[in-house]
């Protein structure tokens, strides 16, 4: 998320930001359900 930290993130609407956070949380939940703790942790950290 290096590009996002450079200012692009703050240009997104609140809804877009929350949707992107939700996508990462969804990934973490999917990996948790598949018992892949490494990928779950990575998605959780990105969220």
ModelCIF file with pLDDT and N, C-alpha, C, O atoms, coordinates in Angstrom:
data_MODEL
#
_entry.id   MODEL 
#
_entity.id                         1 
_entity.type                       polymer 
_entity.pdbx_number_of_molecules   1 
#
_entity_poly.entity_id                      1 
_entity_poly.type                           'polypeptide(L)' 
_entity_poly.nstd_linkage                   no 
_entity_poly.nstd_monomer                   no 
_entity_poly.pdbx_seq_one_letter_code       
;(UNK)(UNK)(UNK)(UNK)(UNK)(UNK)(UNK)(UNK)(UNK)(UNK)(UNK)(UNK)(UNK)(UNK)(UNK)(UNK)
(UNK)(UNK)(UNK)(UNK)(UNK)(UNK)(UNK)(UNK)(UNK)(UNK)(UNK)(UNK)(UNK)(UNK)(UNK)(UNK)
(UNK)(UNK)(UNK)(UNK)(UNK)(UNK)(UNK)(UNK)(UNK)(UNK)(UNK)(UNK)(UNK)(UNK)(UNK)
;
_entity_poly.pdbx_seq_one_letter_code_can   XXXXXXXXXXXXXXXXXXXXXXXXXXXXXXXXXXXXXXXXXXXXXXX 
_entity_poly.pdbx_strand_id                 A 
#
loop_
_entity_poly_seq.entity_id 
_entity_poly_seq.num 
_entity_poly_seq.mon_id 
_entity_poly_seq.hetero 
1 1  UNK n 
1 2  UNK n 
1 3  UNK n 
1 4  UNK n 
1 5  UNK n 
1 6  UNK n 
1 7  UNK n 
1 8  UNK n 
1 9  UNK n 
1 10 UNK n 
1 11 UNK n 
1 12 UNK n 
1 13 UNK n 
1 14 UNK n 
1 15 UNK n 
1 16 UNK n 
1 17 UNK n 
1 18 UNK n 
1 19 UNK n 
1 20 UNK n 
1 21 UNK n 
1 22 UNK n 
1 23 UNK n 
1 24 UNK n 
1 25 UNK n 
1 26 UNK n 
1 27 UNK n 
1 28 UNK n 
1 29 UNK n 
1 30 UNK n 
1 31 UNK n 
1 32 UNK n 
1 33 UNK n 
1 34 UNK n 
1 35 UNK n 
1 36 UNK n 
1 37 UNK n 
1 38 UNK n 
1 39 UNK n 
1 40 UNK n 
1 41 UNK n 
1 42 UNK n 
1 43 UNK n 
1 44 UNK n 
1 45 UNK n 
1 46 UNK n 
1 47 UNK n 
#
_struct_asym.id          A 
_struct_asym.entity_id   1 
#
loop_
_ma_qa_metric.id 
_ma_qa_metric.mode 
_ma_qa_metric.name 
_ma_qa_metric.software_group_id 
_ma_qa_metric.type 
1 global pLDDT . pLDDT 
2 local  pLDDT . pLDDT 
#
_ma_qa_metric_global.metric_id      1 
_ma_qa_metric_global.metric_value   90.87 
_ma_qa_metric_global.model_id       1 
_ma_qa_metric_global.ordinal_id     1 
#
loop_
_ma_qa_metric_local.label_asym_id 
_ma_qa_metric_local.label_comp_id 
_ma_qa_metric_local.label_seq_id 
_ma_qa_metric_local.metric_id 
_ma_qa_metric_local.metric_value 
_ma_qa_metric_local.model_id 
_ma_qa_metric_local.ordinal_id 
A UNK 1  2 59.00 1 1  
A UNK 2  2 58.00 1 2  
A UNK 3  2 66.00 1 3  
A UNK 4  2 67.00 1 4  
A UNK 5  2 62.00 1 5  
A UNK 6  2 59.00 1 6  
A UNK 7  2 76.00 1 7  
A UNK 8  2 83.00 1 8  
A UNK 9  2 86.00 1 9  
A UNK 10 2 84.00 1 10 
A UNK 11 2 87.00 1 11 
A UNK 12 2 91.00 1 12 
A UNK 13 2 92.00 1 13 
A UNK 14 2 94.00 1 14 
A UNK 15 2 95.00 1 15 
A UNK 16 2 95.00 1 16 
A UNK 17 2 95.00 1 17 
A UNK 18 2 97.00 1 18 
A UNK 19 2 97.00 1 19 
A UNK 20 2 95.00 1 20 
A UNK 21 2 97.00 1 21 
A UNK 22 2 98.00 1 22 
A UNK 23 2 96.00 1 23 
A UNK 24 2 97.00 1 24 
A UNK 25 2 98.00 1 25 
A UNK 26 2 97.00 1 26 
A UNK 27 2 98.00 1 27 
A UNK 28 2 98.00 1 28 
A UNK 29 2 98.00 1 29 
A UNK 30 2 98.00 1 30 
A UNK 31 2 98.00 1 31 
A UNK 32 2 97.00 1 32 
A UNK 33 2 97.00 1 33 
A UNK 34 2 98.00 1 34 
A UNK 35 2 98.00 1 35 
A UNK 36 2 98.00 1 36 
A UNK 37 2 97.00 1 37 
A UNK 38 2 98.00 1 38 
A UNK 39 2 98.00 1 39 
A UNK 40 2 98.00 1 40 
A UNK 41 2 98.00 1 41 
A UNK 42 2 97.00 1 42 
A UNK 43 2 98.00 1 43 
A UNK 44 2 98.00 1 44 
A UNK 45 2 97.00 1 45 
A UNK 46 2 96.00 1 46 
A UNK 47 2 97.00 1 47 
#
loop_
_atom_site.group_PDB 
_atom_site.id 
_atom_site.type_symbol 
_atom_site.label_atom_id 
_atom_site.label_alt_id 
_atom_site.label_comp_id 
_atom_site.label_asym_id 
_atom_site.label_entity_id 
_atom_site.label_seq_id 
_atom_site.pdbx_PDB_ins_code 
_atom_site.Cartn_x 
_atom_site.Cartn_y 
_atom_site.Cartn_z 
_atom_site.occupancy 
_atom_site.B_iso_or_equiv 
_atom_site.pdbx_formal_charge 
_atom_site.auth_seq_id 
_atom_site.auth_comp_id 
_atom_site.auth_asym_id 
_atom_site.auth_atom_id 
_atom_site.pdbx_PDB_model_num 
ATOM 1   N N  . UNK A 1 1  ? 0.804   -1.199  0.000  1.00 59.00 ? 1  UNK A N  1 
ATOM 2   C CA . UNK A 1 1  ? 0.000   0.000   0.000  1.00 59.00 ? 1  UNK A CA 1 
ATOM 3   C C  . UNK A 1 1  ? 0.847   1.263   0.000  1.00 59.00 ? 1  UNK A C  1 
ATOM 4   O O  . UNK A 1 1  ? 0.443   2.307   0.510  1.00 59.00 ? 1  UNK A O  1 
ATOM 5   N N  . UNK A 1 2  ? 2.026   1.140   -0.582 1.00 58.00 ? 2  UNK A N  1 
ATOM 6   C CA . UNK A 1 2  ? 2.936   2.288   -0.618 1.00 58.00 ? 2  UNK A CA 1 
ATOM 7   C C  . UNK A 1 2  ? 2.356   3.449   -1.407 1.00 58.00 ? 2  UNK A C  1 
ATOM 8   O O  . UNK A 1 2  ? 2.448   4.593   -0.963 1.00 58.00 ? 2  UNK A O  1 
ATOM 9   N N  . UNK A 1 3  ? 1.758   3.184   -2.569 1.00 66.00 ? 3  UNK A N  1 
ATOM 10  C CA . UNK A 1 3  ? 1.169   4.248   -3.382 1.00 66.00 ? 3  UNK A CA 1 
ATOM 11  C C  . UNK A 1 3  ? 0.012   4.921   -2.661 1.00 66.00 ? 3  UNK A C  1 
ATOM 12  O O  . UNK A 1 3  ? -0.177  6.132   -2.774 1.00 66.00 ? 3  UNK A O  1 
ATOM 13  N N  . UNK A 1 4  ? -0.751  4.147   -1.929 1.00 67.00 ? 4  UNK A N  1 
ATOM 14  C CA . UNK A 1 4  ? -1.884  4.716   -1.210 1.00 67.00 ? 4  UNK A CA 1 
ATOM 15  C C  . UNK A 1 4  ? -1.419  5.661   -0.114 1.00 67.00 ? 4  UNK A C  1 
ATOM 16  O O  . UNK A 1 4  ? -2.048  6.688   0.139  1.00 67.00 ? 4  UNK A O  1 
ATOM 17  N N  . UNK A 1 5  ? -0.319  5.313   0.530  1.00 62.00 ? 5  UNK A N  1 
ATOM 18  C CA . UNK A 1 5  ? 0.206   6.149   1.606  1.00 62.00 ? 5  UNK A CA 1 
ATOM 19  C C  . UNK A 1 5  ? 0.753   7.470   1.087  1.00 62.00 ? 5  UNK A C  1 
ATOM 20  O O  . UNK A 1 5  ? 0.891   8.425   1.851  1.00 62.00 ? 5  UNK A O  1 
ATOM 21  N N  . UNK A 1 6  ? 1.064   7.536   -0.191 1.00 59.00 ? 6  UNK A N  1 
ATOM 22  C CA . UNK A 1 6  ? 1.623   8.760   -0.759 1.00 59.00 ? 6  UNK A CA 1 
ATOM 23  C C  . UNK A 1 6  ? 0.563   9.813   -1.068 1.00 59.00 ? 6  UNK A C  1 
ATOM 24  O O  . UNK A 1 6  ? 0.888   10.860  -1.628 1.00 59.00 ? 6  UNK A O  1 
ATOM 25  N N  . UNK A 1 7  ? -0.663  9.563   -0.724 1.00 76.00 ? 7  UNK A N  1 
ATOM 26  C CA . UNK A 1 7  ? -1.686  10.580  -0.895 1.00 76.00 ? 7  UNK A CA 1 
ATOM 27  C C  . UNK A 1 7  ? -2.911  10.135  -1.656 1.00 76.00 ? 7  UNK A C  1 
ATOM 28  O O  . UNK A 1 7  ? -3.966  10.760  -1.543 1.00 76.00 ? 7  UNK A O  1 
ATOM 29  N N  . UNK A 1 8  ? -2.802  9.079   -2.423 1.00 83.00 ? 8  UNK A N  1 
ATOM 30  C CA . UNK A 1 8  ? -3.961  8.619   -3.192 1.00 83.00 ? 8  UNK A CA 1 
ATOM 31  C C  . UNK A 1 8  ? -5.101  8.214   -2.269 1.00 83.00 ? 8  UNK A C  1 
ATOM 32  O O  . UNK A 1 8  ? -6.265  8.442   -2.597 1.00 83.00 ? 8  UNK A O  1 
ATOM 33  N N  . UNK A 1 9  ? -4.795  7.629   -1.143 1.00 86.00 ? 9  UNK A N  1 
ATOM 34  C CA . UNK A 1 9  ? -5.819  7.148   -0.220 1.00 86.00 ? 9  UNK A CA 1 
ATOM 35  C C  . UNK A 1 9  ? -6.705  8.285   0.272  1.00 86.00 ? 9  UNK A C  1 
ATOM 36  O O  . UNK A 1 9  ? -7.926  8.142   0.337  1.00 86.00 ? 9  UNK A O  1 
ATOM 37  N N  . UNK A 1 10 ? -6.097  9.405   0.617  1.00 84.00 ? 10 UNK A N  1 
ATOM 38  C CA . UNK A 1 10 ? -6.877  10.527  1.147  1.00 84.00 ? 10 UNK A CA 1 
ATOM 39  C C  . UNK A 1 10 ? -7.754  11.178  0.075  1.00 84.00 ? 10 UNK A C  1 
ATOM 40  O O  . UNK A 1 10 ? -8.668  11.935  0.402  1.00 84.00 ? 10 UNK A O  1 
ATOM 41  N N  . UNK A 1 11 ? -7.486  10.894  -1.193 1.00 87.00 ? 11 UNK A N  1 
ATOM 42  C CA . UNK A 1 11 ? -8.309  11.420  -2.279 1.00 87.00 ? 11 UNK A CA 1 
ATOM 43  C C  . UNK A 1 11 ? -9.538  10.557  -2.535 1.00 87.00 ? 11 UNK A C  1 
ATOM 44  O O  . UNK A 1 11 ? -10.464 10.985  -3.224 1.00 87.00 ? 11 UNK A O  1 
ATOM 45  N N  . UNK A 1 12 ? -9.553  9.356   -1.991 1.00 91.00 ? 12 UNK A N  1 
ATOM 46  C CA . UNK A 1 12 ? -10.696 8.459   -2.156 1.00 91.00 ? 12 UNK A CA 1 
ATOM 47  C C  . UNK A 1 12 ? -11.806 8.876   -1.200 1.00 91.00 ? 12 UNK A C  1 
ATOM 48  O O  . UNK A 1 12 ? -11.544 9.460   -0.149 1.00 91.00 ? 12 UNK A O  1 
ATOM 49  N N  . UNK A 1 13 ? -13.038 8.573   -1.569 1.00 92.00 ? 13 UNK A N  1 
ATOM 50  C CA . UNK A 1 13 ? -14.162 8.863   -0.673 1.00 92.00 ? 13 UNK A CA 1 
ATOM 51  C C  . UNK A 1 13 ? -14.111 7.910   0.517  1.00 92.00 ? 13 UNK A C  1 
ATOM 52  O O  . UNK A 1 13 ? -13.460 6.866   0.473  1.00 92.00 ? 13 UNK A O  1 
ATOM 53  N N  . UNK A 1 14 ? -14.806 8.292   1.569  1.00 94.00 ? 14 UNK A N  1 
ATOM 54  C CA . UNK A 1 14 ? -14.878 7.444   2.758  1.00 94.00 ? 14 UNK A CA 1 
ATOM 55  C C  . UNK A 1 14 ? -15.452 6.075   2.412  1.00 94.00 ? 14 UNK A C  1 
ATOM 56  O O  . UNK A 1 14 ? -14.976 5.053   2.907  1.00 94.00 ? 14 UNK A O  1 
ATOM 57  N N  . UNK A 1 15 ? -16.462 6.056   1.572  1.00 95.00 ? 15 UNK A N  1 
ATOM 58  C CA . UNK A 1 15 ? -17.085 4.784   1.179  1.00 95.00 ? 15 UNK A CA 1 
ATOM 59  C C  . UNK A 1 15 ? -16.085 3.908   0.432  1.00 95.00 ? 15 UNK A C  1 
ATOM 60  O O  . UNK A 1 15 ? -16.023 2.702   0.674  1.00 95.00 ? 15 UNK A O  1 
ATOM 61  N N  . UNK A 1 16 ? -15.306 4.494   -0.470 1.00 95.00 ? 16 UNK A N  1 
ATOM 62  C CA . UNK A 1 16 ? -14.291 3.719   -1.202 1.00 95.00 ? 16 UNK A CA 1 
ATOM 63  C C  . UNK A 1 16 ? -13.225 3.192   -0.252 1.00 95.00 ? 16 UNK A C  1 
ATOM 64  O O  . UNK A 1 16 ? -12.777 2.053   -0.390 1.00 95.00 ? 16 UNK A O  1 
ATOM 65  N N  . UNK A 1 17 ? -12.820 4.003   0.699  1.00 95.00 ? 17 UNK A N  1 
ATOM 66  C CA . UNK A 1 17 ? -11.835 3.553   1.674  1.00 95.00 ? 17 UNK A CA 1 
ATOM 67  C C  . UNK A 1 17 ? -12.369 2.364   2.469  1.00 95.00 ? 17 UNK A C  1 
ATOM 68  O O  . UNK A 1 17 ? -11.677 1.361   2.642  1.00 95.00 ? 17 UNK A O  1 
ATOM 69  N N  . UNK A 1 18 ? -13.598 2.486   2.948  1.00 97.00 ? 18 UNK A N  1 
ATOM 70  C CA . UNK A 1 18 ? -14.190 1.405   3.737  1.00 97.00 ? 18 UNK A CA 1 
ATOM 71  C C  . UNK A 1 18 ? -14.395 0.145   2.901  1.00 97.00 ? 18 UNK A C  1 
ATOM 72  O O  . UNK A 1 18 ? -14.244 -0.964  3.412  1.00 97.00 ? 18 UNK A O  1 
ATOM 73  N N  . UNK A 1 19 ? -14.735 0.300   1.631  1.00 97.00 ? 19 UNK A N  1 
ATOM 74  C CA . UNK A 1 19 ? -14.897 -0.855  0.752  1.00 97.00 ? 19 UNK A CA 1 
ATOM 75  C C  . UNK A 1 19 ? -13.559 -1.570  0.563  1.00 97.00 ? 19 UNK A C  1 
ATOM 76  O O  . UNK A 1 19 ? -13.513 -2.800  0.540  1.00 97.00 ? 19 UNK A O  1 
ATOM 77  N N  . UNK A 1 20 ? -12.482 -0.815  0.430  1.00 95.00 ? 20 UNK A N  1 
ATOM 78  C CA . UNK A 1 20 ? -11.162 -1.430  0.287  1.00 95.00 ? 20 UNK A CA 1 
ATOM 79  C C  . UNK A 1 20 ? -10.728 -2.120  1.571  1.00 95.00 ? 20 UNK A C  1 
ATOM 80  O O  . UNK A 1 20 ? -10.140 -3.201  1.531  1.00 95.00 ? 20 UNK A O  1 
ATOM 81  N N  . UNK A 1 21 ? -11.013 -1.507  2.694  1.00 97.00 ? 21 UNK A N  1 
ATOM 82  C CA . UNK A 1 21 ? -10.727 -2.168  3.969  1.00 97.00 ? 21 UNK A CA 1 
ATOM 83  C C  . UNK A 1 21 ? -11.534 -3.462  4.052  1.00 97.00 ? 21 UNK A C  1 
ATOM 84  O O  . UNK A 1 21 ? -11.015 -4.503  4.456  1.00 97.00 ? 21 UNK A O  1 
ATOM 85  N N  . UNK A 1 22 ? -12.798 -3.387  3.666  1.00 98.00 ? 22 UNK A N  1 
ATOM 86  C CA . UNK A 1 22 ? -13.659 -4.560  3.678  1.00 98.00 ? 22 UNK A CA 1 
ATOM 87  C C  . UNK A 1 22 ? -13.143 -5.687  2.799  1.00 98.00 ? 22 UNK A C  1 
ATOM 88  O O  . UNK A 1 22 ? -13.268 -6.860  3.150  1.00 98.00 ? 22 UNK A O  1 
ATOM 89  N N  . UNK A 1 23 ? -12.570 -5.338  1.671  1.00 96.00 ? 23 UNK A N  1 
ATOM 90  C CA . UNK A 1 23 ? -12.005 -6.362  0.783  1.00 96.00 ? 23 UNK A CA 1 
ATOM 91  C C  . UNK A 1 23 ? -10.862 -7.105  1.466  1.00 96.00 ? 23 UNK A C  1 
ATOM 92  O O  . UNK A 1 23 ? -10.746 -8.325  1.347  1.00 96.00 ? 23 UNK A O  1 
ATOM 93  N N  . UNK A 1 24 ? -10.027 -6.369  2.177  1.00 97.00 ? 24 UNK A N  1 
ATOM 94  C CA . UNK A 1 24 ? -8.918  -7.021  2.895  1.00 97.00 ? 24 UNK A CA 1 
ATOM 95  C C  . UNK A 1 24 ? -9.425  -7.875  4.046  1.00 97.00 ? 24 UNK A C  1 
ATOM 96  O O  . UNK A 1 24 ? -8.906  -8.964  4.291  1.00 97.00 ? 24 UNK A O  1 
ATOM 97  N N  . UNK A 1 25 ? -10.437 -7.384  4.753  1.00 98.00 ? 25 UNK A N  1 
ATOM 98  C CA . UNK A 1 25 ? -11.018 -8.173  5.846  1.00 98.00 ? 25 UNK A CA 1 
ATOM 99  C C  . UNK A 1 25 ? -11.659 -9.439  5.281  1.00 98.00 ? 25 UNK A C  1 
ATOM 100 O O  . UNK A 1 25 ? -11.540 -10.513 5.871  1.00 98.00 ? 25 UNK A O  1 
ATOM 101 N N  . UNK A 1 26 ? -12.339 -9.315  4.140  1.00 97.00 ? 26 UNK A N  1 
ATOM 102 C CA . UNK A 1 26 ? -12.925 -10.488 3.474  1.00 97.00 ? 26 UNK A CA 1 
ATOM 103 C C  . UNK A 1 26 ? -11.838 -11.515 3.143  1.00 97.00 ? 26 UNK A C  1 
ATOM 104 O O  . UNK A 1 26 ? -12.017 -12.713 3.363  1.00 97.00 ? 26 UNK A O  1 
ATOM 105 N N  . UNK A 1 27 ? -10.724 -11.037 2.618  1.00 98.00 ? 27 UNK A N  1 
ATOM 106 C CA . UNK A 1 27 ? -9.613  -11.953 2.304  1.00 98.00 ? 27 UNK A CA 1 
ATOM 107 C C  . UNK A 1 27 ? -9.119  -12.654 3.571  1.00 98.00 ? 27 UNK A C  1 
ATOM 108 O O  . UNK A 1 27 ? -8.885  -13.862 3.574  1.00 98.00 ? 27 UNK A O  1 
ATOM 109 N N  . UNK A 1 28 ? -8.966  -11.885 4.632  1.00 98.00 ? 28 UNK A N  1 
ATOM 110 C CA . UNK A 1 28 ? -8.514  -12.480 5.891  1.00 98.00 ? 28 UNK A CA 1 
ATOM 111 C C  . UNK A 1 28 ? -9.506  -13.535 6.384  1.00 98.00 ? 28 UNK A C  1 
ATOM 112 O O  . UNK A 1 28 ? -9.105  -14.607 6.837  1.00 98.00 ? 28 UNK A O  1 
ATOM 113 N N  . UNK A 1 29 ? -10.790 -13.230 6.295  1.00 98.00 ? 29 UNK A N  1 
ATOM 114 C CA . UNK A 1 29 ? -11.812 -14.199 6.715  1.00 98.00 ? 29 UNK A CA 1 
ATOM 115 C C  . UNK A 1 29 ? -11.785 -15.448 5.846  1.00 98.00 ? 29 UNK A C  1 
ATOM 116 O O  . UNK A 1 29 ? -11.924 -16.561 6.354  1.00 98.00 ? 29 UNK A O  1 
ATOM 117 N N  . UNK A 1 30 ? -11.607 -15.271 4.539  1.00 98.00 ? 30 UNK A N  1 
ATOM 118 C CA . UNK A 1 30 ? -11.547 -16.418 3.629  1.00 98.00 ? 30 UNK A CA 1 
ATOM 119 C C  . UNK A 1 30 ? -10.347 -17.305 3.947  1.00 98.00 ? 30 UNK A C  1 
ATOM 120 O O  . UNK A 1 30 ? -10.462 -18.531 3.971  1.00 98.00 ? 30 UNK A O  1 
ATOM 121 N N  . UNK A 1 31 ? -9.192  -16.679 4.191  1.00 98.00 ? 31 UNK A N  1 
ATOM 122 C CA . UNK A 1 31 ? -8.004  -17.470 4.505  1.00 98.00 ? 31 UNK A CA 1 
ATOM 123 C C  . UNK A 1 31 ? -8.118  -18.123 5.870  1.00 98.00 ? 31 UNK A C  1 
ATOM 124 O O  . UNK A 1 31 ? -7.615  -19.228 6.073  1.00 98.00 ? 31 UNK A O  1 
ATOM 125 N N  . UNK A 1 32 ? -8.770  -17.457 6.803  1.00 97.00 ? 32 UNK A N  1 
ATOM 126 C CA . UNK A 1 32 ? -8.991  -18.060 8.121  1.00 97.00 ? 32 UNK A CA 1 
ATOM 127 C C  . UNK A 1 32 ? -9.860  -19.305 7.985  1.00 97.00 ? 32 UNK A C  1 
ATOM 128 O O  . UNK A 1 32 ? -9.589  -20.328 8.614  1.00 97.00 ? 32 UNK A O  1 
ATOM 129 N N  . UNK A 1 33 ? -10.898 -19.219 7.169  1.00 97.00 ? 33 UNK A N  1 
ATOM 130 C CA . UNK A 1 33 ? -11.789 -20.363 6.952  1.00 97.00 ? 33 UNK A CA 1 
ATOM 131 C C  . UNK A 1 33 ? -11.067 -21.528 6.287  1.00 97.00 ? 33 UNK A C  1 
ATOM 132 O O  . UNK A 1 33 ? -11.421 -22.689 6.491  1.00 97.00 ? 33 UNK A O  1 
ATOM 133 N N  . UNK A 1 34 ? -10.044 -21.205 5.485  1.00 98.00 ? 34 UNK A N  1 
ATOM 134 C CA . UNK A 1 34 ? -9.253  -22.244 4.817  1.00 98.00 ? 34 UNK A CA 1 
ATOM 135 C C  . UNK A 1 34 ? -8.078  -22.707 5.669  1.00 98.00 ? 34 UNK A C  1 
ATOM 136 O O  . UNK A 1 34 ? -7.264  -23.516 5.223  1.00 98.00 ? 34 UNK A O  1 
ATOM 137 N N  . UNK A 1 35 ? -7.990  -22.197 6.889  1.00 98.00 ? 35 UNK A N  1 
ATOM 138 C CA . UNK A 1 35 ? -6.946  -22.554 7.849  1.00 98.00 ? 35 UNK A CA 1 
ATOM 139 C C  . UNK A 1 35 ? -5.539  -22.235 7.336  1.00 98.00 ? 35 UNK A C  1 
ATOM 140 O O  . UNK A 1 35 ? -4.582  -22.957 7.615  1.00 98.00 ? 35 UNK A O  1 
ATOM 141 N N  . UNK A 1 36 ? -5.436  -21.144 6.584  1.00 98.00 ? 36 UNK A N  1 
ATOM 142 C CA . UNK A 1 36 ? -4.135  -20.684 6.103  1.00 98.00 ? 36 UNK A CA 1 
ATOM 143 C C  . UNK A 1 36 ? -3.770  -19.449 6.917  1.00 98.00 ? 36 UNK A C  1 
ATOM 144 O O  . UNK A 1 36 ? -4.087  -18.321 6.541  1.00 98.00 ? 36 UNK A O  1 
ATOM 145 N N  . UNK A 1 37 ? -3.096  -19.688 8.043  1.00 97.00 ? 37 UNK A N  1 
ATOM 146 C CA . UNK A 1 37 ? -2.834  -18.604 8.988  1.00 97.00 ? 37 UNK A CA 1 
ATOM 147 C C  . UNK A 1 37 ? -1.862  -17.566 8.430  1.00 97.00 ? 37 UNK A C  1 
ATOM 148 O O  . UNK A 1 37 ? -1.958  -16.390 8.781  1.00 97.00 ? 37 UNK A O  1 
ATOM 149 N N  . UNK A 1 38 ? -0.936  -17.972 7.574  1.00 98.00 ? 38 UNK A N  1 
ATOM 150 C CA . UNK A 1 38 ? 0.029   -17.015 7.020  1.00 98.00 ? 38 UNK A CA 1 
ATOM 151 C C  . UNK A 1 38 ? -0.666  -15.998 6.122  1.00 98.00 ? 38 UNK A C  1 
ATOM 152 O O  . UNK A 1 38 ? -0.443  -14.796 6.268  1.00 98.00 ? 38 UNK A O  1 
ATOM 153 N N  . UNK A 1 39 ? -1.495  -16.453 5.209  1.00 98.00 ? 39 UNK A N  1 
ATOM 154 C CA . UNK A 1 39 ? -2.207  -15.546 4.312  1.00 98.00 ? 39 UNK A CA 1 
ATOM 155 C C  . UNK A 1 39 ? -3.261  -14.736 5.070  1.00 98.00 ? 39 UNK A C  1 
ATOM 156 O O  . UNK A 1 39 ? -3.492  -13.566 4.763  1.00 98.00 ? 39 UNK A O  1 
ATOM 157 N N  . UNK A 1 40 ? -3.891  -15.360 6.054  1.00 98.00 ? 40 UNK A N  1 
ATOM 158 C CA . UNK A 1 40 ? -4.855  -14.652 6.887  1.00 98.00 ? 40 UNK A CA 1 
ATOM 159 C C  . UNK A 1 40 ? -4.160  -13.489 7.599  1.00 98.00 ? 40 UNK A C  1 
ATOM 160 O O  . UNK A 1 40 ? -4.685  -12.376 7.637  1.00 98.00 ? 40 UNK A O  1 
ATOM 161 N N  . UNK A 1 41 ? -2.997  -13.747 8.154  1.00 98.00 ? 41 UNK A N  1 
ATOM 162 C CA . UNK A 1 41 ? -2.243  -12.719 8.859  1.00 98.00 ? 41 UNK A CA 1 
ATOM 163 C C  . UNK A 1 41 ? -1.847  -11.573 7.925  1.00 98.00 ? 41 UNK A C  1 
ATOM 164 O O  . UNK A 1 41 ? -1.926  -10.403 8.301  1.00 98.00 ? 41 UNK A O  1 
ATOM 165 N N  . UNK A 1 42 ? -1.426  -11.913 6.717  1.00 97.00 ? 42 UNK A N  1 
ATOM 166 C CA . UNK A 1 42 ? -1.036  -10.883 5.748  1.00 97.00 ? 42 UNK A CA 1 
ATOM 167 C C  . UNK A 1 42 ? -2.217  -9.991  5.385  1.00 97.00 ? 42 UNK A C  1 
ATOM 168 O O  . UNK A 1 42 ? -2.078  -8.768  5.342  1.00 97.00 ? 42 UNK A O  1 
ATOM 169 N N  . UNK A 1 43 ? -3.371  -10.586 5.124  1.00 98.00 ? 43 UNK A N  1 
ATOM 170 C CA . UNK A 1 43 ? -4.560  -9.801  4.779  1.00 98.00 ? 43 UNK A CA 1 
ATOM 171 C C  . UNK A 1 43 ? -5.017  -8.972  5.976  1.00 98.00 ? 43 UNK A C  1 
ATOM 172 O O  . UNK A 1 43 ? -5.433  -7.824  5.819  1.00 98.00 ? 43 UNK A O  1 
ATOM 173 N N  . UNK A 1 44 ? -4.941  -9.545  7.156  1.00 98.00 ? 44 UNK A N  1 
ATOM 174 C CA . UNK A 1 44 ? -5.291  -8.825  8.378  1.00 98.00 ? 44 UNK A CA 1 
ATOM 175 C C  . UNK A 1 44 ? -4.385  -7.597  8.551  1.00 98.00 ? 44 UNK A C  1 
ATOM 176 O O  . UNK A 1 44 ? -4.868  -6.510  8.867  1.00 98.00 ? 44 UNK A O  1 
ATOM 177 N N  . UNK A 1 45 ? -3.091  -7.768  8.346  1.00 97.00 ? 45 UNK A N  1 
ATOM 178 C CA . UNK A 1 45 ? -2.155  -6.651  8.480  1.00 97.00 ? 45 UNK A CA 1 
ATOM 179 C C  . UNK A 1 45 ? -2.405  -5.577  7.426  1.00 97.00 ? 45 UNK A C  1 
ATOM 180 O O  . UNK A 1 45 ? -2.298  -4.385  7.715  1.00 97.00 ? 45 UNK A O  1 
ATOM 181 N N  . UNK A 1 46 ? -2.739  -5.996  6.200  1.00 96.00 ? 46 UNK A N  1 
ATOM 182 C CA . UNK A 1 46 ? -3.068  -5.007  5.166  1.00 96.00 ? 46 UNK A CA 1 
ATOM 183 C C  . UNK A 1 46 ? -4.318  -4.227  5.544  1.00 96.00 ? 46 UNK A C  1 
ATOM 184 O O  . UNK A 1 46 ? -4.393  -3.020  5.310  1.00 96.00 ? 46 UNK A O  1 
ATOM 185 N N  . UNK A 1 47 ? -5.303  -4.912  6.130  1.00 97.00 ? 47 UNK A N  1 
ATOM 186 C CA . UNK A 1 47 ? -6.520  -4.208  6.551  1.00 97.00 ? 47 UNK A CA 1 
ATOM 187 C C  . UNK A 1 47 ? -6.194  -3.170  7.621  1.00 97.00 ? 47 UNK A C  1 
ATOM 188 O O  . UNK A 1 47 ? -7.090  -2.476  8.101  1.00 97.00 ? 47 UNK A O  1 
#
